[in-house]
Amino acid sequence: MEQINECKCGNKAVFNHHGKGYCGSWSALGVCNLFGYCKVKKTHSPELKRFWKKLDKLYGGKQK
Protein backbone atom coordinates (compact mmCIF):
# COMPACT_ATOMS: atom_id res chain seq x y z
CA MET A 1 0.00 0.00 0.00
CA GLU A 2 1.38 3.37 -0.99
CA GLN A 3 1.93 5.88 1.80
CA ILE A 4 0.74 9.39 0.88
CA ASN A 5 2.69 12.04 2.78
CA GLU A 6 0.82 15.19 1.83
CA CYS A 7 -2.78 16.42 1.87
CA LYS A 8 -4.25 18.39 -1.06
CA CYS A 9 -3.86 21.57 1.00
CA GLY A 10 -0.11 21.00 1.34
CA ASN A 11 -0.07 19.98 5.02
CA LYS A 12 1.40 16.72 6.25
CA ALA A 13 -0.99 13.80 5.80
CA VAL A 14 -1.91 12.04 9.05
CA PHE A 15 -4.52 9.75 7.48
CA ASN A 16 -4.47 7.78 4.21
CA HIS A 17 -7.66 6.54 2.61
CA HIS A 18 -8.02 4.92 -0.83
CA GLY A 19 -4.80 6.39 -2.18
CA LYS A 20 -5.37 9.93 -0.93
CA GLY A 21 -3.74 11.72 1.99
CA TYR A 22 -5.69 13.84 4.47
CA CYS A 23 -4.45 16.21 7.18
CA GLY A 24 -7.24 15.04 9.50
CA SER A 25 -9.64 12.19 10.08
CA TRP A 26 -13.37 12.02 10.81
CA SER A 27 -14.98 9.33 12.92
CA ALA A 28 -18.58 8.30 12.35
CA LEU A 29 -20.41 6.04 14.81
CA GLY A 30 -17.24 5.14 16.71
CA VAL A 31 -13.64 4.52 15.78
CA CYS A 32 -14.46 1.61 13.46
CA ASN A 33 -15.62 4.04 10.76
CA LEU A 34 -12.71 6.41 10.08
CA PHE A 35 -12.67 8.64 7.02
CA GLY A 36 -10.39 11.33 5.59
CA TYR A 37 -10.96 15.02 6.28
CA CYS A 38 -9.04 18.14 5.24
CA LYS A 39 -8.90 20.53 8.19
CA VAL A 40 -7.76 23.50 6.06
CA LYS A 41 -10.32 23.26 3.23
CA LYS A 42 -12.92 21.62 5.52
CA THR A 43 -13.74 18.92 2.95
CA HIS A 44 -14.83 15.36 3.68
CA SER A 45 -13.70 12.33 1.73
CA PRO A 46 -16.06 10.95 -0.94
CA GLU A 47 -16.39 7.76 1.13
CA LEU A 48 -17.76 9.72 4.10
CA LYS A 49 -20.29 11.49 1.90
CA ARG A 50 -21.52 8.11 0.60
CA PHE A 51 -21.63 6.78 4.18
CA TRP A 52 -23.91 9.65 5.32
CA LYS A 53 -26.19 9.11 2.28
CA LYS A 54 -26.62 5.47 3.27
CA LEU A 55 -27.45 6.46 6.85
CA ASP A 56 -29.98 9.03 5.60
CA LYS A 57 -31.69 6.31 3.57
CA LEU A 58 -31.78 3.97 6.57
CA TYR A 59 -33.03 6.53 9.07
CA GLY A 60 -35.06 8.80 6.83
CA GLY A 61 -32.78 11.84 7.15
CA LYS A 62 -33.26 12.13 10.91
CA GLN A 63 -29.53 11.98 11.73
CA LYS A 64 -28.83 15.73 11.39
PDB file of N, CA and C in Angstrom:
ATOM      1  N   MET A   1       0.836  -1.169   0.000  1.00  0.00           N
ATOM      2  CA  MET A   1       0.000   0.000   0.000  1.00  0.00           C
ATOM      3  C   MET A   1       0.890   1.244   0.000  1.00  0.00           C
ATOM      4  N   GLU A   2       0.588   2.159  -0.863  1.00  0.00           N
ATOM      5  CA  GLU A   2       1.379   3.371  -0.988  1.00  0.00           C
ATOM      6  C   GLU A   2       1.053   4.347   0.144  1.00  0.00           C
ATOM      7  N   GLN A   3       2.088   4.904   0.727  1.00  0.00           N
ATOM      8  CA  GLN A   3       1.933   5.882   1.801  1.00  0.00           C
ATOM      9  C   GLN A   3       1.933   7.290   1.195  1.00  0.00           C
ATOM     10  N   ILE A   4       0.843   8.022   1.363  1.00  0.00           N
ATOM     11  CA  ILE A   4       0.735   9.390   0.880  1.00  0.00           C
ATOM     12  C   ILE A   4       1.183  10.315   2.012  1.00  0.00           C
ATOM     13  N   ASN A   5       2.114  11.207   1.730  1.00  0.00           N
ATOM     14  CA  ASN A   5       2.691  12.040   2.777  1.00  0.00           C
ATOM     15  C   ASN A   5       2.142  13.450   2.831  1.00  0.00           C
ATOM     16  N   GLU A   6       1.295  13.821   1.873  1.00  0.00           N
ATOM     17  CA  GLU A   6       0.818  15.195   1.826  1.00  0.00           C
ATOM     18  C   GLU A   6      -0.659  15.259   1.475  1.00  0.00           C
ATOM     19  N   CYS A   7      -1.372  16.153   2.154  1.00  0.00           N
ATOM     20  CA  CYS A   7      -2.783  16.423   1.874  1.00  0.00           C
ATOM     21  C   CYS A   7      -2.871  17.357   0.666  1.00  0.00           C
ATOM     22  N   LYS A   8      -4.052  17.473   0.067  1.00  0.00           N
ATOM     23  CA  LYS A   8      -4.245  18.394  -1.060  1.00  0.00           C
ATOM     24  C   LYS A   8      -3.915  19.835  -0.702  1.00  0.00           C
ATOM     25  N   CYS A   9      -4.110  20.196   0.561  1.00  0.00           N
ATOM     26  CA  CYS A   9      -3.861  21.573   0.996  1.00  0.00           C
ATOM     27  C   CYS A   9      -2.378  21.857   1.191  1.00  0.00           C
ATOM     28  N   GLY A  10      -1.546  20.825   1.179  1.00  0.00           N
ATOM     29  CA  GLY A  10      -0.107  20.995   1.344  1.00  0.00           C
ATOM     30  C   GLY A  10       0.405  20.609   2.717  1.00  0.00           C
ATOM     31  N   ASN A  11      -0.476  20.406   3.680  1.00  0.00           N
ATOM     32  CA  ASN A  11      -0.065  19.984   5.017  1.00  0.00           C
ATOM     33  C   ASN A  11       0.327  18.516   5.027  1.00  0.00           C
ATOM     34  N   LYS A  12       1.006  18.114   6.077  1.00  0.00           N
ATOM     35  CA  LYS A  12       1.399  16.723   6.245  1.00  0.00           C
ATOM     36  C   LYS A  12       0.164  15.847   6.406  1.00  0.00           C
ATOM     37  N   ALA A  13       0.131  14.733   5.698  1.00  0.00           N
ATOM     38  CA  ALA A  13      -0.994  13.800   5.799  1.00  0.00           C
ATOM     39  C   ALA A  13      -0.850  12.939   7.046  1.00  0.00           C
ATOM     40  N   VAL A  14      -1.902  12.888   7.855  1.00  0.00           N
ATOM     41  CA  VAL A  14      -1.909  12.038   9.047  1.00  0.00           C
ATOM     42  C   VAL A  14      -2.842  10.843   8.863  1.00  0.00           C
ATOM     43  N   PHE A  15      -3.567  10.825   7.748  1.00  0.00           N
ATOM     44  CA  PHE A  15      -4.521   9.748   7.483  1.00  0.00           C
ATOM     45  C   PHE A  15      -4.528   9.468   5.982  1.00  0.00           C
ATOM     46  N   ASN A  16      -4.417   8.194   5.604  1.00  0.00           N
ATOM     47  CA  ASN A  16      -4.468   7.778   4.210  1.00  0.00           C
ATOM     48  C   ASN A  16      -5.711   6.949   3.984  1.00  0.00           C
ATOM     49  N   HIS A  17      -6.436   7.261   2.906  1.00  0.00           N
ATOM     50  CA  HIS A  17      -7.664   6.542   2.611  1.00  0.00           C
ATOM     51  C   HIS A  17      -7.828   6.427   1.106  1.00  0.00           C
ATOM     52  N   HIS A  18      -7.829   5.205   0.597  1.00  0.00           N
ATOM     53  CA  HIS A  18      -8.017   4.915  -0.826  1.00  0.00           C
ATOM     54  C   HIS A  18      -7.075   5.725  -1.723  1.00  0.00           C
ATOM     55  N   GLY A  19      -5.807   5.750  -1.350  1.00  0.00           N
ATOM     56  CA  GLY A  19      -4.797   6.389  -2.183  1.00  0.00           C
ATOM     57  C   GLY A  19      -4.735   7.903  -2.086  1.00  0.00           C
ATOM     58  N   LYS A  20      -5.417   8.486  -1.127  1.00  0.00           N
ATOM     59  CA  LYS A  20      -5.371   9.933  -0.928  1.00  0.00           C
ATOM     60  C   LYS A  20      -4.935  10.224   0.493  1.00  0.00           C
ATOM     61  N   GLY A  21      -4.182  11.313   0.661  1.00  0.00           N
ATOM     62  CA  GLY A  21      -3.741  11.724   1.985  1.00  0.00           C
ATOM     63  C   GLY A  21      -4.615  12.837   2.516  1.00  0.00           C
ATOM     64  N   TYR A  22      -4.872  12.816   3.817  1.00  0.00           N
ATOM     65  CA  TYR A  22      -5.689  13.840   4.468  1.00  0.00           C
ATOM     66  C   TYR A  22      -4.964  14.338   5.714  1.00  0.00           C
ATOM     67  N   CYS A  23      -5.112  15.639   6.003  1.00  0.00           N
ATOM     68  CA  CYS A  23      -4.450  16.209   7.180  1.00  0.00           C
ATOM     69  C   CYS A  23      -5.275  15.996   8.451  1.00  0.00           C
ATOM     70  N   GLY A  24      -6.416  15.357   8.339  1.00  0.00           N
ATOM     71  CA  GLY A  24      -7.245  15.044   9.497  1.00  0.00           C
ATOM     72  C   GLY A  24      -8.080  13.809   9.228  1.00  0.00           C
ATOM     73  N   SER A  25      -8.746  13.340  10.256  1.00  0.00           N
ATOM     74  CA  SER A  25      -9.638  12.191  10.082  1.00  0.00           C
ATOM     75  C   SER A  25     -10.967  12.502  10.762  1.00  0.00           C
ATOM     76  N   TRP A  26     -12.006  11.818  10.305  1.00  0.00           N
ATOM     77  CA  TRP A  26     -13.367  12.022  10.808  1.00  0.00           C
ATOM     78  C   TRP A  26     -13.904  10.668  11.229  1.00  0.00           C
ATOM     79  N   SER A  27     -14.434  10.579  12.417  1.00  0.00           N
ATOM     80  CA  SER A  27     -14.979   9.334  12.920  1.00  0.00           C
ATOM     81  C   SER A  27     -16.502   9.405  12.903  1.00  0.00           C
ATOM     82  N   ALA A  28     -17.126   8.372  12.391  1.00  0.00           N
ATOM     83  CA  ALA A  28     -18.583   8.302  12.355  1.00  0.00           C
ATOM     84  C   ALA A  28     -19.026   7.025  13.058  1.00  0.00           C
ATOM     85  N   LEU A  29     -19.879   7.173  14.048  1.00  0.00           N
ATOM     86  CA  LEU A  29     -20.413   6.040  14.807  1.00  0.00           C
ATOM     87  C   LEU A  29     -19.301   5.206  15.440  1.00  0.00           C
ATOM     88  N   GLY A  30     -18.337   5.841  16.038  1.00  0.00           N
ATOM     89  CA  GLY A  30     -17.245   5.143  16.710  1.00  0.00           C
ATOM     90  C   GLY A  30     -15.979   5.107  15.883  1.00  0.00           C
ATOM     91  N   VAL A  31     -14.945   4.527  16.441  1.00  0.00           N
ATOM     92  CA  VAL A  31     -13.643   4.522  15.778  1.00  0.00           C
ATOM     93  C   VAL A  31     -13.514   3.460  14.689  1.00  0.00           C
ATOM     94  N   CYS A  32     -14.513   2.629  14.515  1.00  0.00           N
ATOM     95  CA  CYS A  32     -14.460   1.611  13.462  1.00  0.00           C
ATOM     96  C   CYS A  32     -14.749   2.197  12.089  1.00  0.00           C
ATOM     97  N   ASN A  33     -15.296   3.382  12.020  1.00  0.00           N
ATOM     98  CA  ASN A  33     -15.617   4.037  10.758  1.00  0.00           C
ATOM     99  C   ASN A  33     -14.818   5.337  10.655  1.00  0.00           C
ATOM    100  N   LEU A  34     -13.558   5.239  10.231  1.00  0.00           N
ATOM    101  CA  LEU A  34     -12.709   6.414  10.075  1.00  0.00           C
ATOM    102  C   LEU A  34     -12.651   6.812   8.610  1.00  0.00           C
ATOM    103  N   PHE A  35     -12.699   8.110   8.368  1.00  0.00           N
ATOM    104  CA  PHE A  35     -12.671   8.644   7.015  1.00  0.00           C
ATOM    105  C   PHE A  35     -11.724   9.834   6.972  1.00  0.00           C
ATOM    106  N   GLY A  36     -11.284  10.193   5.764  1.00  0.00           N
ATOM    107  CA  GLY A  36     -10.395  11.330   5.590  1.00  0.00           C
ATOM    108  C   GLY A  36     -11.127  12.659   5.656  1.00  0.00           C
ATOM    109  N   TYR A  37     -10.401  13.681   6.141  1.00  0.00           N
ATOM    110  CA  TYR A  37     -10.963  15.018   6.277  1.00  0.00           C
ATOM    111  C   TYR A  37      -9.824  16.031   6.166  1.00  0.00           C
ATOM    112  N   CYS A  38     -10.016  17.065   5.349  1.00  0.00           N
ATOM    113  CA  CYS A  38      -9.035  18.137   5.236  1.00  0.00           C
ATOM    114  C   CYS A  38      -9.435  19.254   6.190  1.00  0.00           C
ATOM    115  N   LYS A  39      -8.593  19.522   7.185  1.00  0.00           N
ATOM    116  CA  LYS A  39      -8.899  20.532   8.193  1.00  0.00           C
ATOM    117  C   LYS A  39      -8.790  21.954   7.637  1.00  0.00           C
ATOM    118  N   VAL A  40      -7.958  22.160   6.626  1.00  0.00           N
ATOM    119  CA  VAL A  40      -7.763  23.503   6.064  1.00  0.00           C
ATOM    120  C   VAL A  40      -8.926  23.882   5.147  1.00  0.00           C
ATOM    121  N   LYS A  41      -9.236  22.992   4.189  1.00  0.00           N
ATOM    122  CA  LYS A  41     -10.316  23.262   3.235  1.00  0.00           C
ATOM    123  C   LYS A  41     -11.677  22.834   3.756  1.00  0.00           C
ATOM    124  N   LYS A  42     -11.688  22.119   4.892  1.00  0.00           N
ATOM    125  CA  LYS A  42     -12.918  21.616   5.516  1.00  0.00           C
ATOM    126  C   LYS A  42     -13.747  20.769   4.546  1.00  0.00           C
ATOM    127  N   THR A  43     -13.063  19.823   3.893  1.00  0.00           N
ATOM    128  CA  THR A  43     -13.736  18.922   2.954  1.00  0.00           C
ATOM    129  C   THR A  43     -13.655  17.489   3.467  1.00  0.00           C
ATOM    130  N   HIS A  44     -14.746  16.769   3.295  1.00  0.00           N
ATOM    131  CA  HIS A  44     -14.829  15.365   3.681  1.00  0.00           C
ATOM    132  C   HIS A  44     -14.451  14.487   2.496  1.00  0.00           C
ATOM    133  N   SER A  45     -14.019  13.282   2.788  1.00  0.00           N
ATOM    134  CA  SER A  45     -13.700  12.332   1.731  1.00  0.00           C
ATOM    135  C   SER A  45     -14.980  11.871   1.036  1.00  0.00           C
ATOM    136  N   PRO A  46     -14.885  11.453  -0.227  1.00  0.00           N
ATOM    137  CA  PRO A  46     -16.064  10.951  -0.938  1.00  0.00           C
ATOM    138  C   PRO A  46     -16.698   9.751  -0.236  1.00  0.00           C
ATOM    139  N   GLU A  47     -15.874   8.934   0.421  1.00  0.00           N
ATOM    140  CA  GLU A  47     -16.390   7.765   1.132  1.00  0.00           C
ATOM    141  C   GLU A  47     -17.292   8.178   2.296  1.00  0.00           C
ATOM    142  N   LEU A  48     -16.927   9.246   2.995  1.00  0.00           N
ATOM    143  CA  LEU A  48     -17.756   9.715   4.101  1.00  0.00           C
ATOM    144  C   LEU A  48     -19.087  10.265   3.597  1.00  0.00           C
ATOM    145  N   LYS A  49     -19.052  10.964   2.481  1.00  0.00           N
ATOM    146  CA  LYS A  49     -20.293  11.493   1.900  1.00  0.00           C
ATOM    147  C   LYS A  49     -21.239  10.352   1.525  1.00  0.00           C
ATOM    148  N   ARG A  50     -20.687   9.282   0.939  1.00  0.00           N
ATOM    149  CA  ARG A  50     -21.520   8.113   0.601  1.00  0.00           C
ATOM    150  C   ARG A  50     -22.047   7.434   1.864  1.00  0.00           C
ATOM    151  N   PHE A  51     -21.228   7.380   2.918  1.00  0.00           N
ATOM    152  CA  PHE A  51     -21.634   6.780   4.184  1.00  0.00           C
ATOM    153  C   PHE A  51     -22.835   7.518   4.769  1.00  0.00           C
ATOM    154  N   TRP A  52     -22.797   8.867   4.777  1.00  0.00           N
ATOM    155  CA  TRP A  52     -23.913   9.647   5.315  1.00  0.00           C
ATOM    156  C   TRP A  52     -25.170   9.483   4.470  1.00  0.00           C
ATOM    157  N   LYS A  53     -25.019   9.342   3.140  1.00  0.00           N
ATOM    158  CA  LYS A  53     -26.188   9.113   2.277  1.00  0.00           C
ATOM    159  C   LYS A  53     -26.868   7.790   2.626  1.00  0.00           C
ATOM    160  N   LYS A  54     -26.052   6.765   2.888  1.00  0.00           N
ATOM    161  CA  LYS A  54     -26.617   5.467   3.272  1.00  0.00           C
ATOM    162  C   LYS A  54     -27.362   5.564   4.597  1.00  0.00           C
ATOM    163  N   LEU A  55     -26.780   6.290   5.554  1.00  0.00           N
ATOM    164  CA  LEU A  55     -27.454   6.457   6.845  1.00  0.00           C
ATOM    165  C   LEU A  55     -28.752   7.234   6.692  1.00  0.00           C
ATOM    166  N   ASP A  56     -28.750   8.260   5.835  1.00  0.00           N
ATOM    167  CA  ASP A  56     -29.977   9.029   5.602  1.00  0.00           C
ATOM    168  C   ASP A  56     -31.081   8.148   5.025  1.00  0.00           C
ATOM    169  N   LYS A  57     -30.694   7.226   4.140  1.00  0.00           N
ATOM    170  CA  LYS A  57     -31.691   6.312   3.569  1.00  0.00           C
ATOM    171  C   LYS A  57     -32.239   5.384   4.651  1.00  0.00           C
ATOM    172  N   LEU A  58     -31.349   4.892   5.517  1.00  0.00           N
ATOM    173  CA  LEU A  58     -31.778   3.973   6.571  1.00  0.00           C
ATOM    174  C   LEU A  58     -32.680   4.631   7.606  1.00  0.00           C
ATOM    175  N   TYR A  59     -32.331   5.861   7.982  1.00  0.00           N
ATOM    176  CA  TYR A  59     -33.033   6.525   9.071  1.00  0.00           C
ATOM    177  C   TYR A  59     -33.938   7.656   8.613  1.00  0.00           C
ATOM    178  N   GLY A  60     -34.150   7.792   7.338  1.00  0.00           N
ATOM    179  CA  GLY A  60     -35.062   8.798   6.827  1.00  0.00           C
ATOM    180  C   GLY A  60     -34.613  10.238   6.996  1.00  0.00           C
ATOM    181  N   GLY A  61     -33.290  10.478   7.043  1.00  0.00           N
ATOM    182  CA  GLY A  61     -32.784  11.840   7.151  1.00  0.00           C
ATOM    183  C   GLY A  61     -32.889  12.438   8.525  1.00  0.00           C
ATOM    184  N   LYS A  62     -33.059  11.617   9.547  1.00  0.00           N
ATOM    185  CA  LYS A  62     -33.265  12.129  10.911  1.00  0.00           C
ATOM    186  C   LYS A  62     -31.953  12.239  11.689  1.00  0.00           C
ATOM    187  N   GLN A  63     -30.819  11.984  11.046  1.00  0.00           N
ATOM    188  CA  GLN A  63     -29.533  11.980  11.727  1.00  0.00           C
ATOM    189  C   GLN A  63     -28.988  13.381  11.989  1.00  0.00           C
ATOM    190  N   LYS A  64     -29.441  14.409  11.295  1.00  0.00           N
ATOM    191  CA  LYS A  64     -28.831  15.729  11.394  1.00  0.00           C
ATOM    192  C   LYS A  64     -29.370  16.519  12.484  1.00  0.00           C
TER     193      LYS A  64
END
